[in-house]
PDB file of N, CA and C in Angstrom:
ATOM      1  N   MET A   1     103.996  89.705  97.609  1.00  0.00           N
ATOM      2  CA  MET A   1     103.733  89.776  99.029  1.00  0.00           C
ATOM      3  C   MET A   1     102.708  90.888  99.268  1.00  0.00           C
ATOM      4  N   ALA A   2     101.598  90.533  99.854  1.00  0.00           N
ATOM      5  CA  ALA A   2     100.539  91.503 100.134  1.00  0.00           C
ATOM      6  C   ALA A   2     100.908  92.338 101.360  1.00  0.00           C
ATOM      7  N   VAL A   3     100.625  93.615 101.254  1.00  0.00           N
ATOM      8  CA  VAL A   3     100.875  94.500 102.384  1.00  0.00           C
ATOM      9  C   VAL A   3      99.704  94.372 103.356  1.00  0.00           C
ATOM     10  N   LEU A   4     100.007  94.320 104.632  1.00  0.00           N
ATOM     11  CA  LEU A   4      98.955  94.242 105.638  1.00  0.00           C
ATOM     12  C   LEU A   4      98.436  95.635 105.945  1.00  0.00           C
ATOM     13  N   LEU A   5      97.131  95.748 106.099  1.00  0.00           N
ATOM     14  CA  LEU A   5      96.506  97.034 106.379  1.00  0.00           C
ATOM     15  C   LEU A   5      97.043  97.637 107.667  1.00  0.00           C
ATOM     16  N   ARG A   6      97.228  96.815 108.711  1.00  0.00           N
ATOM     17  CA  ARG A   6      97.717  97.348 109.985  1.00  0.00           C
ATOM     18  C   ARG A   6      99.121  97.935 109.840  1.00  0.00           C
ATOM     19  N   GLU A   7      99.941  97.371 108.945  1.00  0.00           N
ATOM     20  CA  GLU A   7     101.287  97.900 108.727  1.00  0.00           C
ATOM     21  C   GLU A   7     101.235  99.236 107.981  1.00  0.00           C
ATOM     22  N   ALA A   8     100.362  99.322 106.988  1.00  0.00           N
ATOM     23  CA  ALA A   8     100.225 100.573 106.234  1.00  0.00           C
ATOM     24  C   ALA A   8      99.677 101.683 107.130  1.00  0.00           C
ATOM     25  N   ILE A   9      98.719 101.364 107.980  1.00  0.00           N
ATOM     26  CA  ILE A   9      98.168 102.348 108.911  1.00  0.00           C
ATOM     27  C   ILE A   9      99.252 102.788 109.895  1.00  0.00           C
ATOM     28  N   GLY A  10      99.985 101.837 110.438  1.00  0.00           N
ATOM     29  CA  GLY A  10     101.058 102.155 111.383  1.00  0.00           C
ATOM     30  C   GLY A  10     102.122 103.047 110.767  1.00  0.00           C
ATOM     31  N   ASP A  11     102.516 102.748 109.523  1.00  0.00           N
ATOM     32  CA  ASP A  11     103.514 103.584 108.844  1.00  0.00           C
ATOM     33  C   ASP A  11     103.023 105.020 108.708  1.00  0.00           C
ATOM     34  N   ARG A  12     101.763 105.167 108.306  1.00  0.00           N
ATOM     35  CA  ARG A  12     101.209 106.515 108.126  1.00  0.00           C
ATOM     36  C   ARG A  12     101.072 107.260 109.452  1.00  0.00           C
ATOM     37  N   LEU A  13     100.671 106.561 110.502  1.00  0.00           N
ATOM     38  CA  LEU A  13     100.554 107.215 111.810  1.00  0.00           C
ATOM     39  C   LEU A  13     101.921 107.676 112.304  1.00  0.00           C
ATOM     40  N   ARG A  14     102.926 106.829 112.182  1.00  0.00           N
ATOM     41  CA  ARG A  14     104.279 107.206 112.605  1.00  0.00           C
ATOM     42  C   ARG A  14     104.789 108.381 111.768  1.00  0.00           C
ATOM     43  N   HIS A  15     104.529 108.336 110.471  1.00  0.00           N
ATOM     44  CA  HIS A  15     104.947 109.430 109.590  1.00  0.00           C
ATOM     45  C   HIS A  15     104.289 110.746 110.018  1.00  0.00           C
ATOM     46  N   ALA A  16     102.998 110.702 110.289  1.00  0.00           N
ATOM     47  CA  ALA A  16     102.285 111.918 110.718  1.00  0.00           C
ATOM     48  C   ALA A  16     102.837 112.428 112.044  1.00  0.00           C
ATOM     49  N   ARG A  17     103.075 111.514 112.976  1.00  0.00           N
ATOM     50  CA  ARG A  17     103.581 111.914 114.300  1.00  0.00           C
ATOM     51  C   ARG A  17     104.975 112.526 114.199  1.00  0.00           C
ATOM     52  N   THR A  18     105.863 111.896 113.459  1.00  0.00           N
ATOM     53  CA  THR A  18     107.231 112.418 113.367  1.00  0.00           C
ATOM     54  C   THR A  18     107.288 113.721 112.569  1.00  0.00           C
ATOM     55  N   ASN A  19     106.424 113.859 111.569  1.00  0.00           N
ATOM     56  CA  ASN A  19     106.381 115.126 110.823  1.00  0.00           C
ATOM     57  C   ASN A  19     105.942 116.291 111.710  1.00  0.00           C
ATOM     58  N   LYS A  20     105.112 115.997 112.692  1.00  0.00           N
ATOM     59  CA  LYS A  20     104.658 117.033 113.618  1.00  0.00           C
ATOM     60  C   LYS A  20     105.595 117.157 114.817  1.00  0.00           C
ATOM     61  N   ARG A  21     106.670 116.394 114.787  1.00  0.00           N
ATOM     62  CA  ARG A  21     107.683 116.413 115.853  1.00  0.00           C
ATOM     63  C   ARG A  21     107.071 116.140 117.226  1.00  0.00           C
ATOM     64  N   ARG A  22     106.196 115.147 117.263  1.00  0.00           N
ATOM     65  CA  ARG A  22     105.549 114.727 118.504  1.00  0.00           C
ATOM     66  C   ARG A  22     106.162 113.416 118.952  1.00  0.00           C
ATOM     67  N   THR A  23     106.268 113.210 120.231  1.00  0.00           N
ATOM     68  CA  THR A  23     106.790 111.956 120.759  1.00  0.00           C
ATOM     69  C   THR A  23     105.650 110.965 120.945  1.00  0.00           C
ATOM     70  N   LEU A  24     106.015 109.693 121.038  1.00  0.00           N
ATOM     71  CA  LEU A  24     105.022 108.663 121.342  1.00  0.00           C
ATOM     72  C   LEU A  24     104.312 108.991 122.649  1.00  0.00           C
ATOM     73  N   ARG A  25     105.077 109.440 123.630  1.00  0.00           N
ATOM     74  CA  ARG A  25     104.515 109.745 124.945  1.00  0.00           C
ATOM     75  C   ARG A  25     103.466 110.851 124.848  1.00  0.00           C
ATOM     76  N   GLU A  26     103.763 111.910 124.103  1.00  0.00           N
ATOM     77  CA  GLU A  26     102.811 113.015 123.953  1.00  0.00           C
ATOM     78  C   GLU A  26     101.507 112.538 123.310  1.00  0.00           C
ATOM     79  N   VAL A  27     101.649 111.790 122.235  1.00  0.00           N
ATOM     80  CA  VAL A  27     100.459 111.329 121.509  1.00  0.00           C
ATOM     81  C   VAL A  27      99.683 110.314 122.339  1.00  0.00           C
ATOM     82  N   SER A  28     100.386 109.433 123.038  1.00  0.00           N
ATOM     83  CA  SER A  28      99.687 108.430 123.846  1.00  0.00           C
ATOM     84  C   SER A  28      98.887 109.097 124.965  1.00  0.00           C
ATOM     85  N   ARG A  29      99.453 110.124 125.577  1.00  0.00           N
ATOM     86  CA  ARG A  29      98.714 110.852 126.624  1.00  0.00           C
ATOM     87  C   ARG A  29      97.480 111.539 126.057  1.00  0.00           C
ATOM     88  N   SER A  30      97.679 112.223 124.947  1.00  0.00           N
ATOM     89  CA  SER A  30      96.582 112.965 124.342  1.00  0.00           C
ATOM     90  C   SER A  30      95.471 112.036 123.840  1.00  0.00           C
ATOM     91  N   ALA A  31      95.861 110.887 123.302  1.00  0.00           N
ATOM     92  CA  ALA A  31      94.881 109.937 122.764  1.00  0.00           C
ATOM     93  C   ALA A  31      94.326 109.008 123.844  1.00  0.00           C
ATOM     94  N   ARG A  32      94.920 109.071 125.032  1.00  0.00           N
ATOM     95  CA  ARG A  32      94.524 108.211 126.154  1.00  0.00           C
ATOM     96  C   ARG A  32      94.653 106.729 125.808  1.00  0.00           C
ATOM     97  N   VAL A  33      95.830 106.398 125.264  1.00  0.00           N
ATOM     98  CA  VAL A  33      96.170 105.021 124.944  1.00  0.00           C
ATOM     99  C   VAL A  33      97.575 104.777 125.491  1.00  0.00           C
ATOM    100  N   SER A  34      97.862 103.560 125.910  1.00  0.00           N
ATOM    101  CA  SER A  34      99.171 103.303 126.498  1.00  0.00           C
ATOM    102  C   SER A  34     100.269 103.501 125.463  1.00  0.00           C
ATOM    103  N   LEU A  35     101.401 103.956 125.940  1.00  0.00           N
ATOM    104  CA  LEU A  35     102.548 104.194 125.071  1.00  0.00           C
ATOM    105  C   LEU A  35     102.947 102.909 124.349  1.00  0.00           C
ATOM    106  N   GLY A  36     102.974 101.790 125.056  1.00  0.00           N
ATOM    107  CA  GLY A  36     103.348 100.515 124.453  1.00  0.00           C
ATOM    108  C   GLY A  36     102.402 100.089 123.354  1.00  0.00           C
ATOM    109  N   TYR A  37     101.103 100.289 123.594  1.00  0.00           N
ATOM    110  CA  TYR A  37     100.119  99.896 122.593  1.00  0.00           C
ATOM    111  C   TYR A  37     100.236 100.784 121.354  1.00  0.00           C
ATOM    112  N   LEU A  38     100.409 102.090 121.550  1.00  0.00           N
ATOM    113  CA  LEU A  38     100.574 103.000 120.422  1.00  0.00           C
ATOM    114  C   LEU A  38     101.804 102.613 119.610  1.00  0.00           C
ATOM    115  N   SER A  39     102.874 102.267 120.283  1.00  0.00           N
ATOM    116  CA  SER A  39     104.088 101.839 119.598  1.00  0.00           C
ATOM    117  C   SER A  39     103.829 100.587 118.755  1.00  0.00           C
ATOM    118  N   GLU A  40     103.077  99.640 119.309  1.00  0.00           N
ATOM    119  CA  GLU A  40     102.758  98.416 118.564  1.00  0.00           C
ATOM    120  C   GLU A  40     101.867  98.717 117.356  1.00  0.00           C
ATOM    121  N   VAL A  41     100.951  99.659 117.498  1.00  0.00           N
ATOM    122  CA  VAL A  41     100.107 100.061 116.371  1.00  0.00           C
ATOM    123  C   VAL A  41     100.982 100.672 115.274  1.00  0.00           C
ATOM    124  N   GLU A  42     101.886 101.564 115.648  1.00  0.00           N
ATOM    125  CA  GLU A  42     102.764 102.202 114.665  1.00  0.00           C
ATOM    126  C   GLU A  42     103.667 101.193 113.957  1.00  0.00           C
ATOM    127  N   ARG A  43     104.074 100.156 114.664  1.00  0.00           N
ATOM    128  CA  ARG A  43     104.936  99.137 114.058  1.00  0.00           C
ATOM    129  C   ARG A  43     104.146  98.077 113.298  1.00  0.00           C
ATOM    130  N   GLY A  44     102.819  98.222 113.259  1.00  0.00           N
ATOM    131  CA  GLY A  44     101.988  97.288 112.514  1.00  0.00           C
ATOM    132  C   GLY A  44     101.817  95.956 113.207  1.00  0.00           C
ATOM    133  N   GLN A  45     102.045  95.915 114.501  1.00  0.00           N
ATOM    134  CA  GLN A  45     101.921  94.667 115.250  1.00  0.00           C
ATOM    135  C   GLN A  45     100.540  94.489 115.862  1.00  0.00           C
ATOM    136  N   LYS A  46      99.791  95.570 115.996  1.00  0.00           N
ATOM    137  CA  LYS A  46      98.439  95.510 116.561  1.00  0.00           C
ATOM    138  C   LYS A  46      97.450  96.159 115.601  1.00  0.00           C
ATOM    139  N   GLU A  47      96.254  95.568 115.537  1.00  0.00           N
ATOM    140  CA  GLU A  47      95.151  96.151 114.774  1.00  0.00           C
ATOM    141  C   GLU A  47      94.448  97.162 115.672  1.00  0.00           C
ATOM    142  N   ALA A  48      94.371  98.388 115.225  1.00  0.00           N
ATOM    143  CA  ALA A  48      93.700  99.419 116.012  1.00  0.00           C
ATOM    144  C   ALA A  48      92.214  99.442 115.675  1.00  0.00           C
ATOM    145  N   SER A  49      91.372  99.561 116.703  1.00  0.00           N
ATOM    146  CA  SER A  49      89.930  99.688 116.476  1.00  0.00           C
ATOM    147  C   SER A  49      89.645 101.055 115.859  1.00  0.00           C
ATOM    148  N   SER A  50      88.447 101.210 115.322  1.00  0.00           N
ATOM    149  CA  SER A  50      88.080 102.506 114.736  1.00  0.00           C
ATOM    150  C   SER A  50      88.078 103.600 115.796  1.00  0.00           C
ATOM    151  N   GLU A  51      87.677 103.269 117.019  1.00  0.00           N
ATOM    152  CA  GLU A  51      87.675 104.254 118.099  1.00  0.00           C
ATOM    153  C   GLU A  51      89.095 104.688 118.444  1.00  0.00           C
ATOM    154  N   LEU A  52      90.000 103.730 118.488  1.00  0.00           N
ATOM    155  CA  LEU A  52      91.392 104.043 118.794  1.00  0.00           C
ATOM    156  C   LEU A  52      92.023 104.870 117.674  1.00  0.00           C
ATOM    157  N   LEU A  53      91.749 104.502 116.426  1.00  0.00           N
ATOM    158  CA  LEU A  53      92.279 105.290 115.300  1.00  0.00           C
ATOM    159  C   LEU A  53      91.761 106.721 115.352  1.00  0.00           C
ATOM    160  N   ALA A  54      90.489 106.881 115.675  1.00  0.00           N
ATOM    161  CA  ALA A  54      89.910 108.223 115.773  1.00  0.00           C
ATOM    162  C   ALA A  54      90.598 109.022 116.882  1.00  0.00           C
ATOM    163  N   ALA A  55      90.865 108.390 118.021  1.00  0.00           N
ATOM    164  CA  ALA A  55      91.529 109.083 119.131  1.00  0.00           C
ATOM    165  C   ALA A  55      92.964 109.463 118.764  1.00  0.00           C
ATOM    166  N   ILE A  56      93.675 108.579 118.098  1.00  0.00           N
ATOM    167  CA  ILE A  56      95.059 108.867 117.700  1.00  0.00           C
ATOM    168  C   ILE A  56      95.075 109.999 116.672  1.00  0.00           C
ATOM    169  N   CYS A  57      94.170 109.918 115.701  1.00  0.00           N
ATOM    170  CA  CYS A  57      94.090 110.975 114.685  1.00  0.00           C
ATOM    171  C   CYS A  57      93.753 112.320 115.310  1.00  0.00           C
ATOM    172  N   GLU A  58      92.847 112.321 116.269  1.00  0.00           N
ATOM    173  CA  GLU A  58      92.493 113.568 116.949  1.00  0.00           C
ATOM    174  C   GLU A  58      93.713 114.121 117.685  1.00  0.00           C
ATOM    175  N   ALA A  59      94.462 113.249 118.349  1.00  0.00           N
ATOM    176  CA  ALA A  59      95.661 113.681 119.073  1.00  0.00           C
ATOM    177  C   ALA A  59      96.711 114.251 118.117  1.00  0.00           C
ATOM    178  N   LEU A  60      96.735 113.742 116.899  1.00  0.00           N
ATOM    179  CA  LEU A  60      97.697 114.213 115.889  1.00  0.00           C
ATOM    180  C   LEU A  60      97.151 115.365 115.058  1.00  0.00           C
ATOM    181  N   GLU A  61      95.896 115.752 115.323  1.00  0.00           N
ATOM    182  CA  GLU A  61      95.225 116.776 114.524  1.00  0.00           C
ATOM    183  C   GLU A  61      95.270 116.391 113.042  1.00  0.00           C
ATOM    184  N   LEU A  62      94.965 115.125 112.797  1.00  0.00           N
ATOM    185  CA  LEU A  62      94.967 114.538 111.463  1.00  0.00           C
ATOM    186  C   LEU A  62      93.573 113.983 111.195  1.00  0.00           C
ATOM    187  N   PRO A  63      92.881 114.482 110.187  1.00  0.00           N
ATOM    188  CA  PRO A  63      91.552 113.931 109.904  1.00  0.00           C
ATOM    189  C   PRO A  63      91.638 112.435 109.589  1.00  0.00           C
ATOM    190  N   LEU A  64      90.753 111.666 110.163  1.00  0.00           N
ATOM    191  CA  LEU A  64      90.733 110.224 109.921  1.00  0.00           C
ATOM    192  C   LEU A  64      90.601 109.939 108.428  1.00  0.00           C
ATOM    193  N   SER A  65      89.806 110.750 107.737  1.00  0.00           N
ATOM    194  CA  SER A  65      89.621 110.553 106.290  1.00  0.00           C
ATOM    195  C   SER A  65      90.944 110.722 105.542  1.00  0.00           C
ATOM    196  N   GLU A  66      91.791 111.649 105.982  1.00  0.00           N
ATOM    197  CA  GLU A  66      93.100 111.850 105.346  1.00  0.00           C
ATOM    198  C   GLU A  66      94.007 110.641 105.584  1.00  0.00           C
ATOM    199  N   LEU A  67      94.000 110.125 106.807  1.00  0.00           N
ATOM    200  CA  LEU A  67      94.782 108.929 107.107  1.00  0.00           C
ATOM    201  C   LEU A  67      94.347 107.781 106.203  1.00  0.00           C
ATOM    202  N   LEU A  68      93.046 107.529 106.136  1.00  0.00           N
ATOM    203  CA  LEU A  68      92.544 106.411 105.345  1.00  0.00           C
ATOM    204  C   LEU A  68      92.805 106.604 103.857  1.00  0.00           C
ATOM    205  N   TYR A  69      92.699 107.823 103.374  1.00  0.00           N
ATOM    206  CA  TYR A  69      92.995 108.115 101.965  1.00  0.00           C
ATOM    207  C   TYR A  69      94.460 107.805 101.663  1.00  0.00           C
ATOM    208  N   ASN A  70      95.356 108.269 102.537  1.00  0.00           N
ATOM    209  CA  ASN A  70      96.790 108.025 102.321  1.00  0.00           C
ATOM    210  C   ASN A  70      97.133 106.542 102.404  1.00  0.00           C
ATOM    211  N   VAL A  71      96.520 105.836 103.327  1.00  0.00           N
ATOM    212  CA  VAL A  71      96.745 104.392 103.442  1.00  0.00           C
ATOM    213  C   VAL A  71      96.266 103.689 102.173  1.00  0.00           C
ATOM    214  N   ALA A  72      95.098 104.074 101.681  1.00  0.00           N
ATOM    215  CA  ALA A  72      94.574 103.471 100.451  1.00  0.00           C
ATOM    216  C   ALA A  72      95.514 103.726  99.282  1.00  0.00           C
ATOM    217  N   SER A  73      96.075 104.925  99.200  1.00  0.00           N
ATOM    218  CA  SER A  73      97.031 105.242  98.139  1.00  0.00           C
ATOM    219  C   SER A  73      98.285 104.384  98.254  1.00  0.00           C
ATOM    220  N   ASP A  74      98.777 104.200  99.469  1.00  0.00           N
ATOM    221  CA  ASP A  74      99.959 103.370  99.697  1.00  0.00           C
ATOM    222  C   ASP A  74      99.709 101.927  99.258  1.00  0.00           C
ATOM    223  N   VAL A  75      98.569 101.386  99.666  1.00  0.00           N
ATOM    224  CA  VAL A  75      98.238 100.000  99.334  1.00  0.00           C
ATOM    225  C   VAL A  75      98.075  99.852  97.820  1.00  0.00           C
ATOM    226  N   ALA A  76      97.432 100.822  97.184  1.00  0.00           N
ATOM    227  CA  ALA A  76      97.264 100.775  95.732  1.00  0.00           C
ATOM    228  C   ALA A  76      98.612 100.805  95.019  1.00  0.00           C
ATOM    229  N   ALA A  77      99.536 101.629  95.512  1.00  0.00           N
ATOM    230  CA  ALA A  77     100.865 101.706  94.901  1.00  0.00           C
ATOM    231  C   ALA A  77     101.607 100.381  95.063  1.00  0.00           C
ATOM    232  N   MET A  78     101.500  99.787  96.235  1.00  0.00           N
ATOM    233  CA  MET A  78     102.149  98.491  96.464  1.00  0.00           C
ATOM    234  C   MET A  78     101.528  97.416  95.576  1.00  0.00           C
ATOM    235  N   ASP A  79     100.208  97.424  95.443  1.00  0.00           N
ATOM    236  CA  ASP A  79      99.533  96.454  94.577  1.00  0.00           C
ATOM    237  C   ASP A  79      99.979  96.614  93.129  1.00  0.00           C
ATOM    238  N   ALA A  80     100.094  97.860  92.677  1.00  0.00           N
ATOM    239  CA  ALA A  80     100.525  98.127  91.305  1.00  0.00           C
ATOM    240  C   ALA A  80     101.946  97.625  91.079  1.00  0.00           C
ATOM    241  N   MET A  81     102.819  97.859  92.045  1.00  0.00           N
ATOM    242  CA  MET A  81     104.195  97.382  91.916  1.00  0.00           C
ATOM    243  C   MET A  81     104.235  95.856  91.881  1.00  0.00           C
ATOM    244  N   GLU A  82     103.443  95.209  92.733  1.00  0.00           N
ATOM    245  CA  GLU A  82     103.406  93.750  92.774  1.00  0.00           C
ATOM    246  C   GLU A  82     102.859  93.191  91.472  1.00  0.00           C
ATOM    247  N   LEU A  83     101.815  93.795  90.940  1.00  0.00           N
ATOM    248  CA  LEU A  83     101.211  93.346  89.698  1.00  0.00           C
ATOM    249  C   LEU A  83     102.204  93.465  88.549  1.00  0.00           C
ATOM    250  N   GLU A  84     102.899  94.584  88.485  1.00  0.00           N
ATOM    251  CA  GLU A  84     103.888  94.784  87.428  1.00  0.00           C
ATOM    252  C   GLU A  84     105.015  93.774  87.516  1.00  0.00           C
ATOM    253  N   SER A  85     105.469  93.470  88.718  1.00  0.00           N
ATOM    254  CA  SER A  85     106.560  92.511  88.853  1.00  0.00           C
ATOM    255  C   SER A  85     106.089  91.101  88.507  1.00  0.00           C
ATOM    256  N   GLN A  86     104.835  90.770  88.808  1.00  0.00           N
ATOM    257  CA  GLN A  86     104.294  89.456  88.466  1.00  0.00           C
ATOM    258  C   GLN A  86     104.124  89.303  86.962  1.00  0.00           C
ATOM    259  N   GLU A  87     103.752  90.380  86.292  1.00  0.00           N
ATOM    260  CA  GLU A  87     103.545  90.334  84.851  1.00  0.00           C
ATOM    261  C   GLU A  87     104.859  90.387  84.090  1.00  0.00           C
ATOM    262  N   GLY A  88     105.935  90.682  84.805  1.00  0.00           N
ATOM    263  CA  GLY A  88     107.240  90.763  84.155  1.00  0.00           C
ATOM    264  C   GLY A  88     107.398  92.007  83.300  1.00  0.00           C
ATOM    265  N   SER A  89     106.521  92.982  83.500  1.00  0.00           N
ATOM    266  CA  SER A  89     106.618  94.216  82.723  1.00  0.00           C
ATOM    267  C   SER A  89     107.690  95.116  83.304  1.00  0.00           C
ATOM    268  N   ARG A  90     107.907  96.219  82.651  1.00  0.00           N
ATOM    269  CA  ARG A  90     108.900  97.204  83.092  1.00  0.00           C
ATOM    270  C   ARG A  90     108.571  97.661  84.501  1.00  0.00           C
ATOM    271  N   GLN A  91     109.563  97.670  85.366  1.00  0.00           N
ATOM    272  CA  GLN A  91     109.381  98.127  86.740  1.00  0.00           C
ATOM    273  C   GLN A  91     109.146  99.633  86.756  1.00  0.00           C
ATOM    274  N   PRO A  92     108.369 100.123  87.713  1.00  0.00           N
ATOM    275  CA  PRO A  92     108.155 101.563  87.803  1.00  0.00           C
ATOM    276  C   PRO A  92     109.463 102.284  88.096  1.00  0.00           C
ATOM    277  N   GLU A  93     109.552 103.493  87.549  1.00  0.00           N
ATOM    278  CA  GLU A  93     110.712 104.329  87.855  1.00  0.00           C
ATOM    279  C   GLU A  93     110.575 104.750  89.308  1.00  0.00           C
ATOM    280  N   ASN A  94     111.583 104.474  90.082  1.00  0.00           N
ATOM    281  CA  ASN A  94     111.513 104.708  91.522  1.00  0.00           C
ATOM    282  C   ASN A  94     112.446 105.851  91.876  1.00  0.00           C
ATOM    283  N   LYS A  95     111.894 106.962  92.308  1.00  0.00           N
ATOM    284  CA  LYS A  95     112.688 108.125  92.692  1.00  0.00           C
ATOM    285  C   LYS A  95     112.772 108.157  94.200  1.00  0.00           C
ATOM    286  N   GLY A  96     113.529 107.258  94.762  1.00  0.00           N
ATOM    287  CA  GLY A  96     113.649 107.161  96.198  1.00  0.00           C
ATOM    288  C   GLY A  96     114.009 105.741  96.570  1.00  0.00           C
ATOM    289  N   GLU A  97     113.314 105.199  97.556  1.00  0.00           N
ATOM    290  CA  GLU A  97     113.637 103.843  97.974  1.00  0.00           C
ATOM    291  C   GLU A  97     112.425 103.141  98.549  1.00  0.00           C
ATOM    292  N   VAL A  98     112.439 101.825  98.416  1.00  0.00           N
ATOM    293  CA  VAL A  98     111.474 100.983  99.091  1.00  0.00           C
ATOM    294  C   VAL A  98     112.199 100.440 100.298  1.00  0.00           C
ATOM    295  N   VAL A  99     111.689 100.725 101.480  1.00  0.00           N
ATOM    296  CA  VAL A  99     112.337 100.330 102.725  1.00  0.00           C
ATOM    297  C   VAL A  99     111.786  98.983 103.144  1.00  0.00           C
ATOM    298  N   LYS A 100     112.676  97.987 103.303  1.00  0.00           N
ATOM    299  CA  LYS A 100     112.246  96.652 103.696  1.00  0.00           C
ATOM    300  C   LYS A 100     112.875  96.296 105.026  1.00  0.00           C
ATOM    301  N   SER A 101     112.086  95.701 105.888  1.00  0.00           N
ATOM    302  CA  SER A 101     112.562  95.219 107.176  1.00  0.00           C
ATOM    303  C   SER A 101     111.909  93.862 107.411  1.00  0.00           C
ATOM    304  N   GLY A 102     112.659  92.796 107.154  1.00  0.00           N
ATOM    305  CA  GLY A 102     112.066  91.469 107.244  1.00  0.00           C
ATOM    306  C   GLY A 102     111.000  91.339 106.177  1.00  0.00           C
ATOM    307  N   GLU A 103     109.780  91.008 106.584  1.00  0.00           N
ATOM    308  CA  GLU A 103     108.678  90.911 105.637  1.00  0.00           C
ATOM    309  C   GLU A 103     107.941  92.233 105.482  1.00  0.00           C
ATOM    310  N   ASN A 104     108.270  93.234 106.292  1.00  0.00           N
ATOM    311  CA  ASN A 104     107.598  94.531 106.230  1.00  0.00           C
ATOM    312  C   ASN A 104     108.196  95.368 105.118  1.00  0.00           C
ATOM    313  N   VAL A 105     107.336  96.074 104.396  1.00  0.00           N
ATOM    314  CA  VAL A 105     107.771  96.940 103.311  1.00  0.00           C
ATOM    315  C   VAL A 105     107.091  98.283 103.483  1.00  0.00           C
ATOM    316  N   ALA A 106     107.853  99.349 103.410  1.00  0.00           N
ATOM    317  CA  ALA A 106     107.283 100.688 103.493  1.00  0.00           C
ATOM    318  C   ALA A 106     107.799 101.498 102.317  1.00  0.00           C
ATOM    319  N   LEU A 107     106.912 102.227 101.658  1.00  0.00           N
ATOM    320  CA  LEU A 107     107.314 103.085 100.554  1.00  0.00           C
ATOM    321  C   LEU A 107     107.614 104.473 101.078  1.00  0.00           C
ATOM    322  N   ARG A 108     108.727 105.011 100.661  1.00  0.00           N
ATOM    323  CA  ARG A 108     109.079 106.370 101.029  1.00  0.00           C
ATOM    324  C   ARG A 108     109.657 107.029  99.776  1.00  0.00           C
ATOM    325  N   THR A 109     108.768 107.319  98.819  1.00  0.00           N
ATOM    326  CA  THR A 109     109.254 107.746  97.522  1.00  0.00           C
ATOM    327  C   THR A 109     108.147 108.329  96.666  1.00  0.00           C
ATOM    328  N   THR A 110     108.523 108.810  95.496  1.00  0.00           N
ATOM    329  CA  THR A 110     107.567 109.110  94.445  1.00  0.00           C
ATOM    330  C   THR A 110     107.752 108.036  93.390  1.00  0.00           C
ATOM    331  N   ILE A 111     106.685 107.363  93.029  1.00  0.00           N
ATOM    332  CA  ILE A 111     106.749 106.258  92.087  1.00  0.00           C
ATOM    333  C   ILE A 111     106.089 106.710  90.795  1.00  0.00           C
ATOM    334  N   SER A 112     106.800 106.550  89.691  1.00  0.00           N
ATOM    335  CA  SER A 112     106.224 106.841  88.386  1.00  0.00           C
ATOM    336  C   SER A 112     106.135 105.547  87.598  1.00  0.00           C
ATOM    337  N   SER A 113     104.989 105.294  87.045  1.00  0.00           N
ATOM    338  CA  SER A 113     104.757 104.109  86.249  1.00  0.00           C
ATOM    339  C   SER A 113     103.932 104.557  85.052  1.00  0.00           C
ATOM    340  N   PRO A 114     103.968 103.840  83.946  1.00  0.00           N
ATOM    341  CA  PRO A 114     103.179 104.262  82.782  1.00  0.00           C
ATOM    342  C   PRO A 114     101.742 104.545  83.170  1.00  0.00           C
ATOM    343  N   GLY A 115     101.314 105.776  82.968  1.00  0.00           N
ATOM    344  CA  GLY A 115      99.949 106.173  83.257  1.00  0.00           C
ATOM    345  C   GLY A 115      99.637 106.412  84.703  1.00  0.00           C
ATOM    346  N   MET A 116     100.659 106.393  85.584  1.00  0.00           N
ATOM    347  CA  MET A 116     100.383 106.559  87.008  1.00  0.00           C
ATOM    348  C   MET A 116     101.571 107.232  87.689  1.00  0.00           C
ATOM    349  N   GLN A 117     101.287 108.183  88.547  1.00  0.00           N
ATOM    350  CA  GLN A 117     102.309 108.750  89.412  1.00  0.00           C
ATOM    351  C   GLN A 117     101.696 108.874  90.784  1.00  0.00           C
ATOM    352  N   VAL A 118     102.362 108.289  91.793  1.00  0.00           N
ATOM    353  CA  VAL A 118     101.843 108.258  93.156  1.00  0.00           C
ATOM    354  C   VAL A 118     102.927 108.768  94.080  1.00  0.00           C
ATOM    355  N   PHE A 119     102.568 109.713  94.956  1.00  0.00           N
ATOM    356  CA  PHE A 119     103.505 110.147  95.995  1.00  0.00           C
ATOM    357  C   PHE A 119     103.207 109.366  97.248  1.00  0.00           C
ATOM    358  N   VAL A 120     104.205 108.717  97.768  1.00  0.00           N
ATOM    359  CA  VAL A 120     104.061 107.946  98.996  1.00  0.00           C
ATOM    360  C   VAL A 120     105.154 108.377  99.937  1.00  0.00           C
ATOM    361  N   ALA A 121     104.763 108.770 101.140  1.00  0.00           N
ATOM    362  CA  ALA A 121     105.776 109.231 102.088  1.00  0.00           C
ATOM    363  C   ALA A 121     105.754 108.391 103.331  1.00  0.00           C
TER     364      ALA A 121
END
């Protein structure tokens, strides 16, 4: 199952917001985006434009480049896990959990695999 980019971006935005102990309302006001729309972006239900992502990142004091780097790392880790399971090889050692909700999957762990270690939060 391929991870959707909008879901990975939403997971990272929510993670950044909750780590900074900010509410949806605070971030939506600061980013000048409706609370409902921000919530849908965080849940991976809406694709955010580059302008909207920049505004949300600015409101979170999170460099856009850091968000995109972390999202790319998450997607790469998910791809590696999917590839390993398709090949029938040894599953990566999982020090944490893979959180699944319906078809949505979010990594919240440190994953160790032969030749690779990725931190995903």
